[in-house]
N, C-alpha and C. Protein backbone atom coordinates (compact mmCIF):
# COMPACT_ATOMS: atom_id res chain seq x y z
N MET A 1 10.01 14.10 -6.51
CA MET A 1 9.91 12.62 -6.67
C MET A 1 8.44 12.20 -6.70
N ASP A 2 8.11 11.35 -7.60
CA ASP A 2 6.73 10.89 -7.64
C ASP A 2 6.46 9.84 -6.65
N VAL A 3 5.11 9.38 -6.51
CA VAL A 3 4.66 8.58 -5.44
C VAL A 3 5.33 7.22 -5.57
N THR A 4 5.41 6.69 -6.93
CA THR A 4 6.00 5.43 -7.12
C THR A 4 7.42 5.40 -6.69
N GLU A 5 8.22 6.46 -7.00
CA GLU A 5 9.60 6.56 -6.41
C GLU A 5 9.77 6.59 -4.98
N LEU A 6 8.78 7.28 -4.27
CA LEU A 6 8.77 7.38 -2.84
C LEU A 6 8.53 6.01 -2.28
N PHE A 7 7.65 5.15 -2.82
CA PHE A 7 7.40 3.87 -2.24
C PHE A 7 8.53 2.93 -2.52
N GLU A 8 9.34 3.13 -3.56
CA GLU A 8 10.49 2.22 -3.82
C GLU A 8 11.54 2.41 -2.67
N LEU A 9 11.36 3.54 -1.84
CA LEU A 9 12.39 3.82 -0.75
C LEU A 9 11.99 3.04 0.54
N ILE A 10 10.78 2.54 0.62
CA ILE A 10 10.18 1.92 1.88
C ILE A 10 10.94 0.60 2.09
N PRO A 11 11.81 0.44 3.06
CA PRO A 11 12.54 -0.86 3.32
C PRO A 11 11.65 -2.06 3.49
N PHE A 12 10.59 -1.94 4.12
CA PHE A 12 9.71 -3.15 4.31
C PHE A 12 9.11 -3.54 3.00
N ALA A 13 8.62 -2.70 2.21
CA ALA A 13 8.02 -3.06 0.97
C ALA A 13 9.13 -3.71 0.00
N ARG A 14 10.24 -3.11 -0.02
CA ARG A 14 11.32 -3.67 -0.81
C ARG A 14 11.67 -5.11 -0.39
N GLU A 15 11.70 -5.36 0.90
CA GLU A 15 12.08 -6.69 1.48
C GLU A 15 11.02 -7.72 1.10
N LEU A 16 9.82 -7.28 1.15
CA LEU A 16 8.69 -8.25 0.76
C LEU A 16 8.69 -8.43 -0.70
N GLY A 17 9.14 -7.50 -1.48
CA GLY A 17 9.10 -7.60 -2.93
C GLY A 17 7.95 -6.94 -3.55
N ILE A 18 7.30 -5.93 -2.80
CA ILE A 18 6.18 -5.17 -3.30
C ILE A 18 6.56 -4.12 -4.42
N GLU A 19 5.98 -4.22 -5.58
CA GLU A 19 6.23 -3.25 -6.59
C GLU A 19 5.00 -2.50 -6.88
N LEU A 20 5.11 -1.20 -6.82
CA LEU A 20 4.06 -0.22 -7.03
C LEU A 20 4.10 0.16 -8.54
N THR A 21 3.01 -0.07 -9.25
CA THR A 21 3.10 0.20 -10.76
C THR A 21 2.60 1.41 -11.17
N GLY A 22 1.86 2.10 -10.16
CA GLY A 22 1.33 3.44 -10.54
C GLY A 22 0.55 3.95 -9.38
N ALA A 23 0.56 5.38 -9.20
CA ALA A 23 -0.26 6.03 -8.14
C ALA A 23 -0.45 7.40 -8.61
N THR A 24 -1.79 7.83 -8.99
CA THR A 24 -2.04 9.15 -9.30
C THR A 24 -3.62 9.31 -9.04
N ASP A 25 -3.89 10.53 -8.66
CA ASP A 25 -5.22 11.06 -8.45
C ASP A 25 -6.01 10.12 -7.60
N GLY A 26 -5.55 9.50 -6.47
CA GLY A 26 -6.30 8.71 -5.57
C GLY A 26 -6.40 7.33 -6.04
N HIS A 27 -5.77 6.88 -7.13
CA HIS A 27 -5.88 5.41 -7.50
C HIS A 27 -4.36 4.92 -7.43
N ALA A 28 -4.19 3.64 -7.12
CA ALA A 28 -2.87 3.02 -7.06
C ALA A 28 -2.96 1.63 -7.39
N ALA A 29 -1.86 0.99 -8.00
CA ALA A 29 -1.84 -0.43 -8.32
C ALA A 29 -0.47 -0.86 -8.00
N GLY A 30 -0.43 -2.18 -7.58
CA GLY A 30 0.83 -2.82 -7.36
C GLY A 30 0.74 -4.33 -7.34
N TYR A 31 1.83 -4.96 -7.13
CA TYR A 31 1.91 -6.53 -7.16
C TYR A 31 3.09 -6.99 -6.33
N ILE A 32 3.04 -8.27 -6.04
CA ILE A 32 4.09 -9.03 -5.45
C ILE A 32 4.18 -10.37 -6.09
N GLU A 33 5.47 -10.79 -6.42
CA GLU A 33 5.66 -12.07 -6.94
C GLU A 33 5.87 -12.98 -5.78
N LEU A 34 5.13 -13.99 -5.56
CA LEU A 34 5.35 -14.89 -4.47
C LEU A 34 6.39 -15.88 -4.56
N ASP A 35 7.06 -16.10 -3.43
CA ASP A 35 8.17 -17.04 -3.32
C ASP A 35 7.86 -17.99 -2.13
N ASP A 36 8.59 -19.08 -2.06
CA ASP A 36 8.34 -20.07 -1.06
C ASP A 36 8.26 -19.43 0.32
N TRP A 37 9.12 -18.45 0.61
CA TRP A 37 9.12 -17.85 2.00
C TRP A 37 7.88 -16.99 2.33
N HIS A 38 7.04 -16.64 1.33
CA HIS A 38 5.77 -15.92 1.50
C HIS A 38 4.71 -16.94 2.02
N SER A 39 4.91 -18.24 1.97
CA SER A 39 3.89 -19.20 2.26
C SER A 39 3.72 -19.42 3.70
N SER A 40 2.40 -19.78 4.08
CA SER A 40 2.16 -20.19 5.41
C SER A 40 1.94 -21.68 5.49
N ASN A 41 2.27 -22.46 4.36
CA ASN A 41 2.13 -23.84 4.37
C ASN A 41 3.50 -24.43 3.98
N PRO A 42 4.07 -25.21 4.85
CA PRO A 42 5.32 -25.90 4.58
C PRO A 42 5.45 -26.81 3.37
N ARG A 43 4.15 -27.21 2.94
CA ARG A 43 4.05 -28.25 1.89
C ARG A 43 3.62 -27.71 0.55
N GLY A 44 3.53 -26.45 0.49
CA GLY A 44 3.03 -25.84 -0.82
C GLY A 44 2.77 -24.38 -0.63
N MET A 45 2.43 -23.70 -1.82
CA MET A 45 2.27 -22.27 -1.69
C MET A 45 0.81 -21.91 -1.33
N VAL A 46 0.71 -21.30 -0.21
CA VAL A 46 -0.58 -20.63 0.22
C VAL A 46 -0.03 -19.39 0.91
N ALA A 47 -0.07 -18.23 0.23
CA ALA A 47 0.53 -17.00 0.73
C ALA A 47 -0.01 -16.72 2.14
N HIS A 48 0.83 -16.34 3.09
CA HIS A 48 0.47 -15.92 4.40
C HIS A 48 -0.42 -14.68 4.24
N GLY A 49 -1.43 -14.67 5.19
CA GLY A 49 -2.39 -13.54 5.16
C GLY A 49 -1.65 -12.15 5.31
N GLY A 50 -0.56 -12.12 6.07
CA GLY A 50 0.15 -10.96 6.15
C GLY A 50 0.77 -10.36 4.88
N VAL A 51 1.04 -11.29 3.92
CA VAL A 51 1.58 -10.82 2.64
C VAL A 51 0.50 -10.00 1.94
N ALA A 52 -0.75 -10.57 1.79
CA ALA A 52 -1.85 -9.89 1.17
C ALA A 52 -2.14 -8.61 1.92
N TYR A 53 -2.11 -8.63 3.28
CA TYR A 53 -2.40 -7.42 4.05
C TYR A 53 -1.30 -6.36 3.75
N SER A 54 -0.03 -6.70 3.74
CA SER A 54 0.92 -5.72 3.45
C SER A 54 0.82 -5.12 2.18
N LEU A 55 0.51 -5.99 1.07
CA LEU A 55 0.33 -5.38 -0.21
C LEU A 55 -0.84 -4.45 -0.26
N ALA A 56 -1.95 -4.75 0.36
CA ALA A 56 -3.10 -3.93 0.44
C ALA A 56 -2.72 -2.68 1.15
N ASP A 57 -2.10 -2.65 2.31
CA ASP A 57 -1.80 -1.47 3.01
C ASP A 57 -0.80 -0.58 2.24
N THR A 58 0.16 -1.17 1.60
CA THR A 58 1.15 -0.37 0.88
C THR A 58 0.46 0.31 -0.38
N VAL A 59 -0.32 -0.43 -1.18
CA VAL A 59 -0.99 0.15 -2.25
C VAL A 59 -2.08 1.07 -1.82
N GLY A 60 -2.80 0.73 -0.81
CA GLY A 60 -3.78 1.84 -0.30
C GLY A 60 -3.19 3.06 0.14
N GLY A 61 -2.01 3.03 0.88
CA GLY A 61 -1.29 4.05 1.27
C GLY A 61 -0.73 4.95 0.09
N ALA A 62 -0.30 4.27 -1.00
CA ALA A 62 0.06 5.08 -2.22
C ALA A 62 -1.11 5.80 -2.76
N ALA A 63 -2.24 5.21 -2.76
CA ALA A 63 -3.44 5.99 -3.34
C ALA A 63 -3.79 7.14 -2.48
N ALA A 64 -3.66 7.08 -1.14
CA ALA A 64 -3.87 8.12 -0.35
C ALA A 64 -2.90 9.21 -0.51
N VAL A 65 -1.65 8.83 -0.58
CA VAL A 65 -0.51 9.83 -0.82
C VAL A 65 -0.77 10.65 -2.19
N SER A 66 -1.14 9.83 -3.17
CA SER A 66 -1.41 10.39 -4.55
C SER A 66 -2.54 11.40 -4.42
N ALA A 67 -3.52 11.24 -3.65
CA ALA A 67 -4.62 12.15 -3.47
C ALA A 67 -4.33 13.32 -2.67
N ASN A 68 -3.37 13.29 -1.80
CA ASN A 68 -3.10 14.28 -0.80
C ASN A 68 -1.77 15.00 -0.96
N ASP A 69 -0.95 14.44 -1.80
CA ASP A 69 0.45 15.07 -2.09
C ASP A 69 1.20 15.17 -0.76
N SER A 70 1.05 14.28 0.21
CA SER A 70 1.73 14.32 1.45
C SER A 70 1.78 12.91 2.06
N ILE A 71 2.58 12.77 3.00
CA ILE A 71 2.71 11.41 3.78
C ILE A 71 1.30 11.16 4.45
N THR A 72 0.83 9.98 4.36
CA THR A 72 -0.45 9.51 5.02
C THR A 72 -0.30 8.25 5.68
N PRO A 73 0.06 8.37 7.00
CA PRO A 73 0.23 7.07 7.72
C PRO A 73 -1.15 6.40 7.99
N THR A 74 -1.01 5.06 8.02
CA THR A 74 -2.20 4.25 8.26
C THR A 74 -2.75 4.45 9.70
N ILE A 75 -4.04 4.66 9.71
CA ILE A 75 -4.78 4.67 11.06
C ILE A 75 -5.45 3.34 11.37
N ASP A 76 -5.99 2.81 10.34
CA ASP A 76 -6.83 1.51 10.53
C ASP A 76 -6.87 0.86 9.19
N MET A 77 -7.00 -0.46 9.22
CA MET A 77 -7.30 -1.33 8.05
C MET A 77 -7.95 -2.56 8.49
N ARG A 78 -9.01 -2.86 7.68
CA ARG A 78 -9.89 -4.03 7.91
C ARG A 78 -9.83 -4.86 6.60
N MET A 79 -9.61 -6.14 6.71
CA MET A 79 -9.35 -6.97 5.57
C MET A 79 -10.27 -8.26 5.67
N ASP A 80 -11.01 -8.53 4.53
CA ASP A 80 -11.75 -9.80 4.42
C ASP A 80 -11.03 -10.69 3.42
N TYR A 81 -10.58 -11.86 3.91
CA TYR A 81 -9.94 -12.91 3.13
C TYR A 81 -11.02 -13.65 2.43
N LEU A 82 -10.92 -13.71 1.10
CA LEU A 82 -11.97 -14.47 0.33
C LEU A 82 -11.54 -15.76 -0.23
N ALA A 83 -10.34 -15.95 -0.53
CA ALA A 83 -9.88 -17.19 -1.13
C ALA A 83 -8.36 -17.33 -0.79
N PRO A 84 -7.77 -18.54 -0.77
CA PRO A 84 -6.40 -18.77 -0.48
C PRO A 84 -5.64 -18.30 -1.77
N ALA A 85 -4.52 -17.58 -1.48
CA ALA A 85 -3.53 -17.14 -2.51
C ALA A 85 -2.56 -18.29 -2.80
N THR A 86 -2.84 -18.98 -3.87
CA THR A 86 -1.94 -20.21 -4.15
C THR A 86 -1.15 -20.07 -5.45
N GLY A 87 -1.22 -18.88 -6.09
CA GLY A 87 -0.65 -18.71 -7.45
C GLY A 87 0.73 -18.12 -7.18
N GLU A 88 1.32 -17.48 -8.32
CA GLU A 88 2.63 -17.10 -8.41
C GLU A 88 2.74 -15.60 -7.92
N GLU A 89 1.63 -14.86 -7.95
CA GLU A 89 1.70 -13.38 -7.67
C GLU A 89 0.39 -12.93 -7.11
N LEU A 90 0.38 -11.84 -6.49
CA LEU A 90 -0.78 -11.08 -6.02
C LEU A 90 -0.76 -9.69 -6.59
N HIS A 91 -1.93 -9.13 -6.93
CA HIS A 91 -2.10 -7.77 -7.42
C HIS A 91 -3.06 -6.97 -6.53
N ALA A 92 -2.89 -5.76 -6.41
CA ALA A 92 -3.81 -4.96 -5.62
C ALA A 92 -4.08 -3.63 -6.46
N GLU A 93 -5.43 -3.22 -6.38
CA GLU A 93 -5.88 -1.96 -6.78
C GLU A 93 -6.48 -1.24 -5.74
N ALA A 94 -6.20 0.11 -5.57
CA ALA A 94 -6.82 0.83 -4.51
C ALA A 94 -7.34 2.17 -5.03
N ASP A 95 -8.50 2.51 -4.41
CA ASP A 95 -9.13 3.85 -4.82
C ASP A 95 -9.50 4.53 -3.57
N VAL A 96 -9.20 5.81 -3.45
CA VAL A 96 -9.75 6.75 -2.33
C VAL A 96 -11.25 6.84 -2.65
N VAL A 97 -12.02 6.45 -1.55
CA VAL A 97 -13.44 6.72 -1.76
C VAL A 97 -13.91 7.84 -1.02
N ARG A 98 -13.20 8.36 -0.05
CA ARG A 98 -13.43 9.64 0.59
C ARG A 98 -12.13 10.30 1.05
N ASN A 99 -11.99 11.56 0.79
CA ASN A 99 -10.70 12.32 1.11
C ASN A 99 -11.04 13.55 1.91
N GLY A 100 -10.96 13.41 3.33
CA GLY A 100 -11.35 14.51 4.16
C GLY A 100 -10.13 15.32 4.60
N ASN A 101 -10.39 16.25 5.45
CA ASN A 101 -9.37 17.11 5.95
C ASN A 101 -8.50 16.44 7.02
N SER A 102 -8.97 15.41 7.65
CA SER A 102 -8.10 14.70 8.62
C SER A 102 -7.85 13.20 8.24
N VAL A 103 -8.80 12.56 7.45
CA VAL A 103 -8.58 11.25 7.16
C VAL A 103 -9.11 10.91 5.67
N ALA A 104 -8.47 9.90 5.15
CA ALA A 104 -8.87 9.39 3.71
C ALA A 104 -9.28 7.96 3.95
N THR A 105 -10.35 7.51 3.29
CA THR A 105 -10.82 6.15 3.29
C THR A 105 -10.47 5.55 1.91
N VAL A 106 -9.89 4.42 1.97
CA VAL A 106 -9.39 3.80 0.72
C VAL A 106 -9.92 2.35 0.55
N ASP A 107 -10.51 1.94 -0.57
CA ASP A 107 -10.87 0.56 -0.76
C ASP A 107 -9.85 -0.16 -1.67
N VAL A 108 -9.42 -1.38 -1.26
CA VAL A 108 -8.46 -2.12 -1.97
C VAL A 108 -9.02 -3.49 -2.23
N VAL A 109 -8.75 -3.95 -3.56
CA VAL A 109 -9.05 -5.24 -4.02
C VAL A 109 -7.76 -5.99 -4.34
N VAL A 110 -7.70 -7.28 -3.76
CA VAL A 110 -6.45 -8.03 -3.99
C VAL A 110 -6.91 -9.30 -4.81
N THR A 111 -6.16 -9.48 -5.91
CA THR A 111 -6.49 -10.61 -6.76
C THR A 111 -5.16 -11.42 -7.04
N ASP A 112 -5.30 -12.63 -7.47
CA ASP A 112 -4.12 -13.36 -7.94
C ASP A 112 -3.80 -13.18 -9.34
N GLY A 113 -2.85 -13.72 -9.90
CA GLY A 113 -2.43 -13.57 -11.29
C GLY A 113 -3.43 -14.01 -12.23
N GLU A 114 -4.43 -14.81 -11.89
CA GLU A 114 -5.43 -15.32 -12.85
C GLU A 114 -6.74 -14.50 -12.63
N GLY A 115 -6.67 -13.50 -11.70
CA GLY A 115 -7.89 -12.69 -11.50
C GLY A 115 -8.81 -13.13 -10.40
N THR A 116 -8.41 -14.27 -9.76
CA THR A 116 -9.27 -14.67 -8.61
C THR A 116 -9.31 -13.70 -7.47
N HIS A 117 -10.34 -13.38 -6.99
CA HIS A 117 -10.60 -12.40 -5.98
C HIS A 117 -10.10 -12.94 -4.63
N ILE A 118 -8.95 -12.54 -4.12
CA ILE A 118 -8.29 -13.12 -2.88
C ILE A 118 -8.79 -12.32 -1.69
N ALA A 119 -8.94 -10.98 -1.65
CA ALA A 119 -9.19 -10.30 -0.54
C ALA A 119 -9.73 -8.91 -0.86
N GLU A 120 -10.50 -8.31 0.07
CA GLU A 120 -10.88 -6.92 -0.05
C GLU A 120 -10.52 -6.13 1.27
N ALA A 121 -10.04 -4.93 1.18
CA ALA A 121 -9.70 -4.31 2.44
C ALA A 121 -10.19 -2.84 2.35
N ARG A 122 -10.44 -2.28 3.55
CA ARG A 122 -10.69 -0.81 3.67
C ARG A 122 -9.73 -0.25 4.62
N GLY A 123 -8.95 0.77 4.17
CA GLY A 123 -7.99 1.39 5.02
C GLY A 123 -8.31 2.78 5.28
N VAL A 124 -7.86 3.23 6.43
CA VAL A 124 -8.09 4.70 6.66
C VAL A 124 -6.72 5.26 7.08
N TYR A 125 -6.41 6.51 6.49
CA TYR A 125 -5.02 7.01 6.40
C TYR A 125 -5.19 8.55 6.92
N LYS A 126 -4.27 8.94 7.72
CA LYS A 126 -4.08 10.28 8.14
C LYS A 126 -3.77 11.26 7.19
N THR A 127 -4.62 12.29 6.96
CA THR A 127 -4.30 13.23 5.82
C THR A 127 -4.12 14.66 6.38
N GLY A 128 -4.30 14.89 7.58
CA GLY A 128 -3.98 16.24 8.14
C GLY A 128 -4.06 16.25 9.64
N GLY A 129 -3.91 17.47 10.20
CA GLY A 129 -4.18 17.60 11.73
C GLY A 129 -2.79 18.06 12.36
N GLY A 130 -1.90 18.58 11.53
CA GLY A 130 -0.66 19.00 12.06
C GLY A 130 0.45 19.29 11.14
N GLU A 131 1.30 20.14 11.33
CA GLU A 131 2.41 20.29 10.51
C GLU A 131 3.70 20.04 11.20
N GLU A 132 3.63 19.56 12.45
CA GLU A 132 4.92 19.23 13.11
C GLU A 132 5.58 18.07 12.54
N ASP A 133 6.87 17.93 12.89
CA ASP A 133 7.70 16.81 12.37
C ASP A 133 7.17 15.55 13.11
N THR A 134 7.09 14.48 12.34
CA THR A 134 6.76 13.22 12.87
C THR A 134 7.72 12.15 12.40
N PRO A 135 7.74 10.91 12.98
CA PRO A 135 8.60 9.92 12.51
C PRO A 135 8.38 9.66 10.98
N TRP A 136 7.27 9.90 10.44
CA TRP A 136 6.97 9.58 8.99
C TRP A 136 7.57 10.72 8.12
N THR A 137 7.72 11.79 8.69
CA THR A 137 8.17 13.03 7.78
C THR A 137 9.65 13.31 7.97
N LYS A 138 10.37 12.45 8.80
CA LYS A 138 11.83 12.66 9.02
C LYS A 138 12.55 12.52 7.65
N GLY A 139 13.29 13.51 7.27
CA GLY A 139 14.03 13.55 6.05
C GLY A 139 13.25 13.88 4.84
N VAL A 140 11.94 14.30 5.03
CA VAL A 140 11.22 14.81 3.84
C VAL A 140 11.33 16.12 3.73
N ASP A 141 11.64 16.67 2.39
CA ASP A 141 11.70 18.04 2.05
C ASP A 141 10.31 18.57 1.93
N ARG A 142 9.85 19.37 2.89
CA ARG A 142 8.46 19.92 2.79
C ARG A 142 8.29 21.03 1.97
N SER A 143 9.44 21.54 1.47
CA SER A 143 9.23 22.73 0.46
C SER A 143 8.90 22.27 -0.87
N ASP A 144 9.06 21.00 -1.15
CA ASP A 144 8.65 20.41 -2.38
C ASP A 144 7.15 19.94 -2.22
N THR A 145 6.82 18.92 -2.91
CA THR A 145 5.40 18.42 -2.88
C THR A 145 5.29 17.37 -1.72
N GLY A 146 6.33 17.22 -0.79
CA GLY A 146 6.17 16.24 0.24
C GLY A 146 6.73 14.91 -0.10
N HIS A 147 7.27 14.84 -1.37
CA HIS A 147 7.69 13.52 -1.75
C HIS A 147 9.33 13.42 -1.88
N SER A 148 10.01 14.60 -1.85
CA SER A 148 11.40 14.54 -2.00
C SER A 148 12.14 14.35 -0.64
N ARG A 149 13.12 13.46 -0.57
CA ARG A 149 13.84 13.34 0.54
C ARG A 149 15.08 14.30 0.54
N SER A 150 15.32 15.03 1.66
CA SER A 150 16.40 15.91 1.68
C SER A 150 17.67 15.16 1.83
N GLU A 151 18.73 15.79 1.37
CA GLU A 151 20.02 15.14 1.31
C GLU A 151 20.85 15.53 2.54
């Protein structure tokens, strides 16, 4: 299973409406169409900061997975909010800027549908340090590339 298919299985991302459009070689992209329930303002659309953060973390994680061919849980993420998200959608692009034996560092840029720079994030993802079963690897077929769920 490829990274895009793997991320379609994440219940939280599905519930929010996050769509991953691609993830290969340490780069990933995705978007979310905004709806009223994503807003932090009862009188109009201003996307809650958690929506942009969730999009950045999901797309950043996909970039890390694509670079490592394995599950890469988030260790840390820092986000700078640069403008309110008032449009109909948010887009994110992520690139692995350092891929080490134990952690990957990923930069993420979040824009709205018109290209306005909404936020920038830097995420750190776990890339190694043990082969034991973890809550993140439950149900993952490790004989494959780390992306297939066992039946």
